[in-house]
C-alpha cells in the first residue's frame, strides 16, 4: 500500500515543490508510479520507478518532473520544478 499526506499543497509559480509518498511492500523491487489527474479527466501517467531513478518518465514530463525511489525509508517523492499554473491537479502515487 501507499501512504500520501492528505490536503492541499500550496506553492509559488516558478518555484519547486516535492510531493511525498511512502509505501509498504514485501517485494524486493516494487514498481512505484505517479499520476496526475486534472479536473474531470482520467489520471495521466507521469513516471514509474523501480529503484533509485531507474524507470520511465512520460516525454511531456521529463523536463520538470523527477523522482528517486529510496528503498531504505520506503519513499518515492515526486519533485516538480519551475512550477506552472497548469501543474495544479490531484497527484496520485500508486504501487
PDB file of N, CA and C in Angstrom:
ATOM      1  N   UNK A   1       0.836  -1.194   0.000  1.00  0.00           N
ATOM      2  CA  UNK A   1       0.000   0.000   0.000  1.00  0.00           C
ATOM      3  C   UNK A   1       0.873   1.248   0.000  1.00  0.00           C
ATOM      4  N   UNK A   2       0.266   2.374  -0.353  1.00  0.00           N
ATOM      5  CA  UNK A   2       0.996   3.643  -0.381  1.00  0.00           C
ATOM      6  C   UNK A   2       0.400   4.594   0.645  1.00  0.00           C
ATOM      7  N   UNK A   3       1.225   5.517   1.105  1.00  0.00           N
ATOM      8  CA  UNK A   3       0.823   6.486   2.118  1.00  0.00           C
ATOM      9  C   UNK A   3       1.150   7.876   1.607  1.00  0.00           C
ATOM     10  N   UNK A   4       0.104   8.635   1.281  1.00  0.00           N
ATOM     11  CA  UNK A   4       0.281  10.005   0.814  1.00  0.00           C
ATOM     12  C   UNK A   4      -0.326  10.958   1.829  1.00  0.00           C
ATOM     13  N   UNK A   5       0.371  12.050   2.154  1.00  0.00           N
ATOM     14  CA  UNK A   5      -0.223  13.043   3.048  1.00  0.00           C
ATOM     15  C   UNK A   5      -1.500  13.610   2.426  1.00  0.00           C
ATOM     16  N   UNK A   6      -2.502  13.862   3.260  1.00  0.00           N
ATOM     17  CA  UNK A   6      -3.752  14.427   2.757  1.00  0.00           C
ATOM     18  C   UNK A   6      -3.670  15.942   2.767  1.00  0.00           C
ATOM     19  N   UNK A   7      -4.524  16.566   1.970  1.00  0.00           N
ATOM     20  CA  UNK A   7      -4.603  18.020   1.975  1.00  0.00           C
ATOM     21  C   UNK A   7      -3.900  18.650   0.794  1.00  0.00           C
ATOM     22  N   UNK A   8      -4.156  19.941   0.642  1.00  0.00           N
ATOM     23  CA  UNK A   8      -3.597  20.696  -0.478  1.00  0.00           C
ATOM     24  C   UNK A   8      -2.151  21.090  -0.207  1.00  0.00           C
ATOM     25  N   UNK A   9      -1.408  21.227  -1.280  1.00  0.00           N
ATOM     26  CA  UNK A   9      -0.051  21.760  -1.218  1.00  0.00           C
ATOM     27  C   UNK A   9      -0.068  23.071  -1.987  1.00  0.00           C
ATOM     28  N   UNK A  10       0.370  24.143  -1.337  1.00  0.00           N
ATOM     29  CA  UNK A  10       0.396  25.452  -1.984  1.00  0.00           C
ATOM     30  C   UNK A  10       1.843  25.822  -2.284  1.00  0.00           C
ATOM     31  N   UNK A  11       2.075  26.288  -3.499  1.00  0.00           N
ATOM     32  CA  UNK A  11       3.433  26.657  -3.903  1.00  0.00           C
ATOM     33  C   UNK A  11       3.357  27.825  -4.878  1.00  0.00           C
ATOM     34  N   UNK A  12       4.504  28.428  -5.132  1.00  0.00           N
ATOM     35  CA  UNK A  12       4.578  29.614  -5.977  1.00  0.00           C
ATOM     36  C   UNK A  12       5.033  29.254  -7.379  1.00  0.00           C
ATOM     37  N   UNK A  13       4.390  29.871  -8.352  1.00  0.00           N
ATOM     38  CA  UNK A  13       4.759  29.662  -9.755  1.00  0.00           C
ATOM     39  C   UNK A  13       6.242  29.963  -9.948  1.00  0.00           C
ATOM     40  N   UNK A  14       6.921  29.066 -10.671  1.00  0.00           N
ATOM     41  CA  UNK A  14       8.342  29.249 -10.933  1.00  0.00           C
ATOM     42  C   UNK A  14       9.245  28.556  -9.924  1.00  0.00           C
ATOM     43  N   UNK A  15       8.686  28.204  -8.763  1.00  0.00           N
ATOM     44  CA  UNK A  15       9.484  27.518  -7.748  1.00  0.00           C
ATOM     45  C   UNK A  15       9.359  26.003  -7.906  1.00  0.00           C
ATOM     46  N   UNK A  16       9.872  25.278  -6.929  1.00  0.00           N
ATOM     47  CA  UNK A  16       9.814  23.810  -6.964  1.00  0.00           C
ATOM     48  C   UNK A  16       9.010  23.310  -5.773  1.00  0.00           C
ATOM     49  N   UNK A  17       8.453  22.120  -5.916  1.00  0.00           N
ATOM     50  CA  UNK A  17       7.703  21.504  -4.822  1.00  0.00           C
ATOM     51  C   UNK A  17       7.987  20.004  -4.832  1.00  0.00           C
ATOM     52  N   UNK A  18       7.953  19.399  -3.655  1.00  0.00           N
ATOM     53  CA  UNK A  18       8.122  17.950  -3.541  1.00  0.00           C
ATOM     54  C   UNK A  18       6.881  17.362  -2.886  1.00  0.00           C
ATOM     55  N   UNK A  19       6.288  16.368  -3.543  1.00  0.00           N
ATOM     56  CA  UNK A  19       5.114  15.670  -3.019  1.00  0.00           C
ATOM     57  C   UNK A  19       5.572  14.329  -2.466  1.00  0.00           C
ATOM     58  N   UNK A  20       5.217  14.067  -1.220  1.00  0.00           N
ATOM     59  CA  UNK A  20       5.701  12.858  -0.553  1.00  0.00           C
ATOM     60  C   UNK A  20       4.824  11.647  -0.833  1.00  0.00           C
ATOM     61  N   UNK A  21       5.454  10.484  -0.848  1.00  0.00           N
ATOM     62  CA  UNK A  21       4.737   9.216  -0.962  1.00  0.00           C
ATOM     63  C   UNK A  21       5.573   8.133  -0.295  1.00  0.00           C
ATOM     64  N   UNK A  22       5.004   7.506   0.723  1.00  0.00           N
ATOM     65  CA  UNK A  22       5.644   6.364   1.359  1.00  0.00           C
ATOM     66  C   UNK A  22       4.937   5.097   0.909  1.00  0.00           C
ATOM     67  N   UNK A  23       5.588   3.959   1.054  1.00  0.00           N
ATOM     68  CA  UNK A  23       4.961   2.709   0.621  1.00  0.00           C
ATOM     69  C   UNK A  23       5.367   1.548   1.519  1.00  0.00           C
ATOM     70  N   UNK A  24       4.521   0.531   1.537  1.00  0.00           N
ATOM     71  CA  UNK A  24       4.815  -0.737   2.203  1.00  0.00           C
ATOM     72  C   UNK A  24       4.666  -1.838   1.172  1.00  0.00           C
ATOM     73  N   UNK A  25       5.677  -2.656   1.035  1.00  0.00           N
ATOM     74  CA  UNK A  25       5.613  -3.755   0.077  1.00  0.00           C
ATOM     75  C   UNK A  25       6.572  -4.852   0.506  1.00  0.00           C
ATOM     76  N   UNK A  26       6.139  -6.085   0.353  1.00  0.00           N
ATOM     77  CA  UNK A  26       7.023  -7.208   0.668  1.00  0.00           C
ATOM     78  C   UNK A  26       7.963  -7.508  -0.500  1.00  0.00           C
ATOM     79  N   UNK A  27       7.699  -6.885  -1.640  1.00  0.00           N
ATOM     80  CA  UNK A  27       8.528  -7.096  -2.826  1.00  0.00           C
ATOM     81  C   UNK A  27       9.892  -6.441  -2.644  1.00  0.00           C
ATOM     82  N   UNK A  28      10.933  -7.081  -3.149  1.00  0.00           N
ATOM     83  CA  UNK A  28      12.273  -6.503  -3.060  1.00  0.00           C
ATOM     84  C   UNK A  28      12.490  -5.431  -4.125  1.00  0.00           C
ATOM     85  N   UNK A  29      11.688  -5.453  -5.175  1.00  0.00           N
ATOM     86  CA  UNK A  29      11.822  -4.453  -6.233  1.00  0.00           C
ATOM     87  C   UNK A  29      10.472  -3.965  -6.722  1.00  0.00           C
ATOM     88  N   UNK A  30       9.733  -3.260  -5.854  1.00  0.00           N
ATOM     89  CA  UNK A  30       8.394  -2.821  -6.264  1.00  0.00           C
ATOM     90  C   UNK A  30       8.455  -1.702  -7.297  1.00  0.00           C
ATOM     91  N   UNK A  31       7.490  -1.671  -8.193  1.00  0.00           N
ATOM     92  CA  UNK A  31       7.334  -0.554  -9.118  1.00  0.00           C
ATOM     93  C   UNK A  31       6.413   0.463  -8.474  1.00  0.00           C
ATOM     94  N   UNK A  32       6.840   1.702  -8.417  1.00  0.00           N
ATOM     95  CA  UNK A  32       6.017   2.787  -7.897  1.00  0.00           C
ATOM     96  C   UNK A  32       5.692   3.736  -9.037  1.00  0.00           C
ATOM     97  N   UNK A  33       4.484   4.275  -9.020  1.00  0.00           N
ATOM     98  CA  UNK A  33       4.004   5.126 -10.113  1.00  0.00           C
ATOM     99  C   UNK A  33       3.461   6.441  -9.572  1.00  0.00           C
ATOM    100  N   UNK A  34       3.588   7.489 -10.376  1.00  0.00           N
ATOM    101  CA  UNK A  34       2.933   8.765 -10.099  1.00  0.00           C
ATOM    102  C   UNK A  34       2.019   9.106 -11.270  1.00  0.00           C
ATOM    103  N   UNK A  35       0.819   9.599 -10.922  1.00  0.00           N
ATOM    104  CA  UNK A  35      -0.172  10.017 -11.917  1.00  0.00           C
ATOM    105  C   UNK A  35      -0.681  11.407 -11.566  1.00  0.00           C
ATOM    106  N   UNK A  36      -1.101  12.122 -12.585  1.00  0.00           N
ATOM    107  CA  UNK A  36      -1.679  13.458 -12.418  1.00  0.00           C
ATOM    108  C   UNK A  36      -3.108  13.449 -12.946  1.00  0.00           C
ATOM    109  N   UNK A  37      -4.043  13.905 -12.110  1.00  0.00           N
ATOM    110  CA  UNK A  37      -5.436  13.990 -12.551  1.00  0.00           C
ATOM    111  C   UNK A  37      -5.872  15.444 -12.550  1.00  0.00           C
ATOM    112  N   UNK A  38      -6.237  15.897 -13.732  1.00  0.00           N
ATOM    113  CA  UNK A  38      -6.598  17.286 -13.965  1.00  0.00           C
ATOM    114  C   UNK A  38      -8.106  17.394 -14.141  1.00  0.00           C
ATOM    115  N   UNK A  39      -8.780  18.071 -13.227  1.00  0.00           N
ATOM    116  CA  UNK A  39     -10.227  18.248 -13.358  1.00  0.00           C
ATOM    117  C   UNK A  39     -10.961  16.926 -13.438  1.00  0.00           C
ATOM    118  N   UNK A  40     -11.843  16.790 -14.431  1.00  0.00           N
ATOM    119  CA  UNK A  40     -12.633  15.566 -14.591  1.00  0.00           C
ATOM    120  C   UNK A  40     -11.986  14.564 -15.540  1.00  0.00           C
ATOM    121  N   UNK A  41     -10.748  14.825 -15.949  1.00  0.00           N
ATOM    122  CA  UNK A  41     -10.063  13.925 -16.872  1.00  0.00           C
ATOM    123  C   UNK A  41      -9.536  12.687 -16.144  1.00  0.00           C
ATOM    124  N   UNK A  42      -9.220  11.663 -16.907  1.00  0.00           N
ATOM    125  CA  UNK A  42      -8.620  10.453 -16.338  1.00  0.00           C
ATOM    126  C   UNK A  42      -7.193  10.752 -15.880  1.00  0.00           C
ATOM    127  N   UNK A  43      -6.708  10.026 -14.871  1.00  0.00           N
ATOM    128  CA  UNK A  43      -5.322  10.227 -14.436  1.00  0.00           C
ATOM    129  C   UNK A  43      -4.342   9.956 -15.581  1.00  0.00           C
ATOM    130  N   UNK A  44      -3.300  10.800 -15.660  1.00  0.00           N
ATOM    131  CA  UNK A  44      -2.268  10.648 -16.694  1.00  0.00           C
ATOM    132  C   UNK A  44      -0.967  10.195 -16.042  1.00  0.00           C
ATOM    133  N   UNK A  45      -0.310   9.249 -16.686  1.00  0.00           N
ATOM    134  CA  UNK A  45       0.968   8.721 -16.202  1.00  0.00           C
ATOM    135  C   UNK A  45       2.041   9.803 -16.235  1.00  0.00           C
ATOM    136  N   UNK A  46       2.756   9.947 -15.127  1.00  0.00           N
ATOM    137  CA  UNK A  46       3.899  10.869 -15.072  1.00  0.00           C
ATOM    138  C   UNK A  46       5.194  10.072 -15.142  1.00  0.00           C
ATOM    139  N   UNK A  47       5.363   9.145 -14.174  1.00  0.00           N
ATOM    140  CA  UNK A  47       6.602   8.368 -14.149  1.00  0.00           C
ATOM    141  C   UNK A  47       6.439   7.103 -13.323  1.00  0.00           C
ATOM    142  N   UNK A  48       7.386   6.195 -13.505  1.00  0.00           N
ATOM    143  CA  UNK A  48       7.467   4.985 -12.684  1.00  0.00           C
ATOM    144  C   UNK A  48       8.911   4.829 -12.224  1.00  0.00           C
ATOM    145  N   UNK A  49       9.073   4.234 -11.055  1.00  0.00           N
ATOM    146  CA  UNK A  49      10.413   3.978 -10.535  1.00  0.00           C
ATOM    147  C   UNK A  49      10.467   2.569  -9.955  1.00  0.00           C
ATOM    148  N   UNK A  50      11.570   1.879 -10.214  1.00  0.00           N
ATOM    149  CA  UNK A  50      11.777   0.552  -9.619  1.00  0.00           C
ATOM    150  C   UNK A  50      12.909   0.597  -8.598  1.00  0.00           C
ATOM    151  N   UNK A  51      13.930   1.392  -8.852  1.00  0.00           N
ATOM    152  CA  UNK A  51      14.937   1.669  -7.834  1.00  0.00           C
ATOM    153  C   UNK A  51      15.666   2.949  -8.211  1.00  0.00           C
ATOM    154  N   UNK A  52      16.045   3.692  -7.195  1.00  0.00           N
ATOM    155  CA  UNK A  52      16.687   4.992  -7.402  1.00  0.00           C
ATOM    156  C   UNK A  52      15.948   5.781  -8.475  1.00  0.00           C
ATOM    157  N   UNK A  53      16.660   6.230  -9.547  1.00  0.00           N
ATOM    158  CA  UNK A  53      15.923   6.941 -10.598  1.00  0.00           C
ATOM    159  C   UNK A  53      15.690   6.069 -11.813  1.00  0.00           C
ATOM    160  N   UNK A  54      15.789   4.746 -11.656  1.00  0.00           N
ATOM    161  CA  UNK A  54      15.512   3.844 -12.775  1.00  0.00           C
ATOM    162  C   UNK A  54      14.010   3.706 -12.972  1.00  0.00           C
ATOM    163  N   UNK A  55      13.604   3.761 -14.234  1.00  0.00           N
ATOM    164  CA  UNK A  55      12.185   3.653 -14.565  1.00  0.00           C
ATOM    165  C   UNK A  55      11.881   4.482 -15.792  1.00  0.00           C
ATOM    166  N   UNK A  56      10.614   4.765 -15.989  1.00  0.00           N
ATOM    167  CA  UNK A  56      10.185   5.534 -17.158  1.00  0.00           C
ATOM    168  C   UNK A  56       9.555   6.846 -16.733  1.00  0.00           C
ATOM    169  N   UNK A  57       9.738   7.855 -17.578  1.00  0.00           N
ATOM    170  CA  UNK A  57       9.077   9.139 -17.376  1.00  0.00           C
ATOM    171  C   UNK A  57       8.423   9.533 -18.686  1.00  0.00           C
ATOM    172  N   UNK A  58       7.159   9.945 -18.604  1.00  0.00           N
ATOM    173  CA  UNK A  58       6.438  10.369 -19.802  1.00  0.00           C
ATOM    174  C   UNK A  58       7.184  11.524 -20.465  1.00  0.00           C
ATOM    175  N   UNK A  59       7.238  11.505 -21.793  1.00  0.00           N
ATOM    176  CA  UNK A  59       8.003  12.508 -22.541  1.00  0.00           C
ATOM    177  C   UNK A  59       7.636  13.939 -22.162  1.00  0.00           C
ATOM    178  N   UNK A  60       6.341  14.197 -21.976  1.00  0.00           N
ATOM    179  CA  UNK A  60       5.920  15.569 -21.687  1.00  0.00           C
ATOM    180  C   UNK A  60       6.160  15.968 -20.227  1.00  0.00           C
ATOM    181  N   UNK A  61       6.765  15.087 -19.436  1.00  0.00           N
ATOM    182  CA  UNK A  61       7.073  15.411 -18.040  1.00  0.00           C
ATOM    183  C   UNK A  61       8.567  15.301 -17.720  1.00  0.00           C
ATOM    184  N   UNK A  62       9.370  14.912 -18.700  1.00  0.00           N
ATOM    185  CA  UNK A  62      10.795  14.658 -18.442  1.00  0.00           C
ATOM    186  C   UNK A  62      11.556  15.895 -17.979  1.00  0.00           C
ATOM    187  N   UNK A  63      11.161  17.052 -18.469  1.00  0.00           N
ATOM    188  CA  UNK A  63      11.939  18.255 -18.203  1.00  0.00           C
ATOM    189  C   UNK A  63      11.825  18.737 -16.756  1.00  0.00           C
ATOM    190  N   UNK A  64      10.638  18.639 -16.164  1.00  0.00           N
ATOM    191  CA  UNK A  64      10.415  19.269 -14.853  1.00  0.00           C
ATOM    192  C   UNK A  64      10.034  18.307 -13.724  1.00  0.00           C
ATOM    193  N   UNK A  65       9.711  17.058 -14.060  1.00  0.00           N
ATOM    194  CA  UNK A  65       9.253  16.100 -13.052  1.00  0.00           C
ATOM    195  C   UNK A  65      10.320  15.030 -12.820  1.00  0.00           C
ATOM    196  N   UNK A  66      10.623  14.759 -11.550  1.00  0.00           N
ATOM    197  CA  UNK A  66      11.636  13.743 -11.253  1.00  0.00           C
ATOM    198  C   UNK A  66      11.310  13.046  -9.935  1.00  0.00           C
ATOM    199  N   UNK A  67      11.891  11.877  -9.764  1.00  0.00           N
ATOM    200  CA  UNK A  67      11.685  11.124  -8.534  1.00  0.00           C
ATOM    201  C   UNK A  67      12.820  10.129  -8.355  1.00  0.00           C
ATOM    202  N   UNK A  68      13.196   9.921  -7.108  1.00  0.00           N
ATOM    203  CA  UNK A  68      14.188   8.906  -6.767  1.00  0.00           C
ATOM    204  C   UNK A  68      13.598   8.008  -5.694  1.00  0.00           C
ATOM    205  N   UNK A  69      13.531   6.724  -5.985  1.00  0.00           N
ATOM    206  CA  UNK A  69      12.970   5.766  -5.033  1.00  0.00           C
ATOM    207  C   UNK A  69      14.015   5.441  -3.970  1.00  0.00           C
ATOM    208  N   UNK A  70      13.645   5.660  -2.718  1.00  0.00           N
ATOM    209  CA  UNK A  70      14.532   5.353  -1.600  1.00  0.00           C
ATOM    210  C   UNK A  70      13.985   4.123  -0.882  1.00  0.00           C
ATOM    211  N   UNK A  71      14.582   2.960  -1.141  1.00  0.00           N
ATOM    212  CA  UNK A  71      14.064   1.713  -0.575  1.00  0.00           C
ATOM    213  C   UNK A  71      14.373   1.582   0.915  1.00  0.00           C
ATOM    214  N   UNK A  72      15.342   2.346   1.416  1.00  0.00           N
ATOM    215  CA  UNK A  72      15.687   2.288   2.837  1.00  0.00           C
ATOM    216  C   UNK A  72      14.555   2.849   3.695  1.00  0.00           C
ATOM    217  N   UNK A  73      14.053   4.020   3.317  1.00  0.00           N
ATOM    218  CA  UNK A  73      12.952   4.637   4.075  1.00  0.00           C
ATOM    219  C   UNK A  73      11.607   4.419   3.385  1.00  0.00           C
ATOM    220  N   UNK A  74      11.632   3.662   2.278  1.00  0.00           N
ATOM    221  CA  UNK A  74      10.418   3.319   1.526  1.00  0.00           C
ATOM    222  C   UNK A  74       9.622   4.559   1.128  1.00  0.00           C
ATOM    223  N   UNK A  75      10.267   5.400   0.353  1.00  0.00           N
ATOM    224  CA  UNK A  75       9.587   6.596  -0.139  1.00  0.00           C
ATOM    225  C   UNK A  75       9.957   6.839  -1.595  1.00  0.00           C
ATOM    226  N   UNK A  76       9.042   7.504  -2.298  1.00  0.00           N
ATOM    227  CA  UNK A  76       9.269   7.847  -3.704  1.00  0.00           C
ATOM    228  C   UNK A  76       8.672   9.237  -3.950  1.00  0.00           C
ATOM    229  N   UNK A  77       9.336  10.282  -3.409  1.00  0.00           N
ATOM    230  CA  UNK A  77       8.805  11.635  -3.542  1.00  0.00           C
ATOM    231  C   UNK A  77       8.870  12.134  -4.984  1.00  0.00           C
ATOM    232  N   UNK A  78       7.870  12.908  -5.356  1.00  0.00           N
ATOM    233  CA  UNK A  78       7.819  13.499  -6.694  1.00  0.00           C
ATOM    234  C   UNK A  78       8.240  14.954  -6.597  1.00  0.00           C
ATOM    235  N   UNK A  79       9.266  15.335  -7.364  1.00  0.00           N
ATOM    236  CA  UNK A  79       9.712  16.731  -7.384  1.00  0.00           C
ATOM    237  C   UNK A  79       9.279  17.372  -8.693  1.00  0.00           C
ATOM    238  N   UNK A  80       8.614  18.516  -8.573  1.00  0.00           N
ATOM    239  CA  UNK A  80       8.186  19.286  -9.745  1.00  0.00           C
ATOM    240  C   UNK A  80       8.939  20.607  -9.704  1.00  0.00           C
ATOM    241  N   UNK A  81       9.671  20.917 -10.774  1.00  0.00           N
ATOM    242  CA  UNK A  81      10.458  22.139 -10.829  1.00  0.00           C
ATOM    243  C   UNK A  81       9.780  23.167 -11.727  1.00  0.00           C
ATOM    244  N   UNK A  82      10.168  24.420 -11.545  1.00  0.00           N
ATOM    245  CA  UNK A  82       9.650  25.521 -12.377  1.00  0.00           C
ATOM    246  C   UNK A  82       8.129  25.419 -12.500  1.00  0.00           C
ATOM    247  N   UNK A  83       7.471  25.460 -11.365  1.00  0.00           N
ATOM    248  CA  UNK A  83       6.019  25.266 -11.316  1.00  0.00           C
ATOM    249  C   UNK A  83       5.254  26.187 -12.257  1.00  0.00           C
ATOM    250  N   UNK A  84       4.229  25.607 -12.873  1.00  0.00           N
ATOM    251  CA  UNK A  84       3.336  26.338 -13.767  1.00  0.00           C
ATOM    252  C   UNK A  84       1.916  26.209 -13.227  1.00  0.00           C
ATOM    253  N   UNK A  85       1.061  27.159 -13.589  1.00  0.00           N
ATOM    254  CA  UNK A  85      -0.335  27.111 -13.159  1.00  0.00           C
ATOM    255  C   UNK A  85      -0.976  25.795 -13.602  1.00  0.00           C
ATOM    256  N   UNK A  86      -0.576  25.295 -14.760  1.00  0.00           N
ATOM    257  CA  UNK A  86      -1.148  24.048 -15.294  1.00  0.00           C
ATOM    258  C   UNK A  86      -0.760  22.815 -14.468  1.00  0.00           C
ATOM    259  N   UNK A  87       0.163  22.979 -13.515  1.00  0.00           N
ATOM    260  CA  UNK A  87       0.528  21.862 -12.642  1.00  0.00           C
ATOM    261  C   UNK A  87      -0.504  21.646 -11.535  1.00  0.00           C
ATOM    262  N   UNK A  88      -1.430  22.584 -11.386  1.00  0.00           N
ATOM    263  CA  UNK A  88      -2.484  22.444 -10.370  1.00  0.00           C
ATOM    264  C   UNK A  88      -3.353  21.246 -10.726  1.00  0.00           C
ATOM    265  N   UNK A  89      -3.362  20.237  -9.859  1.00  0.00           N
ATOM    266  CA  UNK A  89      -4.072  18.988 -10.137  1.00  0.00           C
ATOM    267  C   UNK A  89      -4.014  18.114  -8.893  1.00  0.00           C
ATOM    268  N   UNK A  90      -4.636  16.951  -8.988  1.00  0.00           N
ATOM    269  CA  UNK A  90      -4.514  15.940  -7.938  1.00  0.00           C
ATOM    270  C   UNK A  90      -3.451  14.944  -8.397  1.00  0.00           C
ATOM    271  N   UNK A  91      -2.485  14.671  -7.531  1.00  0.00           N
ATOM    272  CA  UNK A  91      -1.395  13.752  -7.854  1.00  0.00           C
ATOM    273  C   UNK A  91      -1.539  12.477  -7.030  1.00  0.00           C
ATOM    274  N   UNK A  92      -1.450  11.338  -7.722  1.00  0.00           N
ATOM    275  CA  UNK A  92      -1.589  10.040  -7.072  1.00  0.00           C
ATOM    276  C   UNK A  92      -0.299   9.245  -7.178  1.00  0.00           C
ATOM    277  N   UNK A  93       0.070   8.658  -6.063  1.00  0.00           N
ATOM    278  CA  UNK A  93       1.164   7.700  -6.025  1.00  0.00           C
ATOM    279  C   UNK A  93       0.528   6.312  -5.988  1.00  0.00           C
ATOM    280  N   UNK A  94       1.063   5.359  -6.736  1.00  0.00           N
ATOM    281  CA  UNK A  94       0.472   4.019  -6.794  1.00  0.00           C
ATOM    282  C   UNK A  94       1.568   2.961  -6.777  1.00  0.00           C
ATOM    283  N   UNK A  95       1.195   1.790  -6.280  1.00  0.00           N
ATOM    284  CA  UNK A  95       2.126   0.667  -6.170  1.00  0.00           C
ATOM    285  C   UNK A  95       1.646  -0.471  -7.048  1.00  0.00           C
TER     286      UNK A  95
END
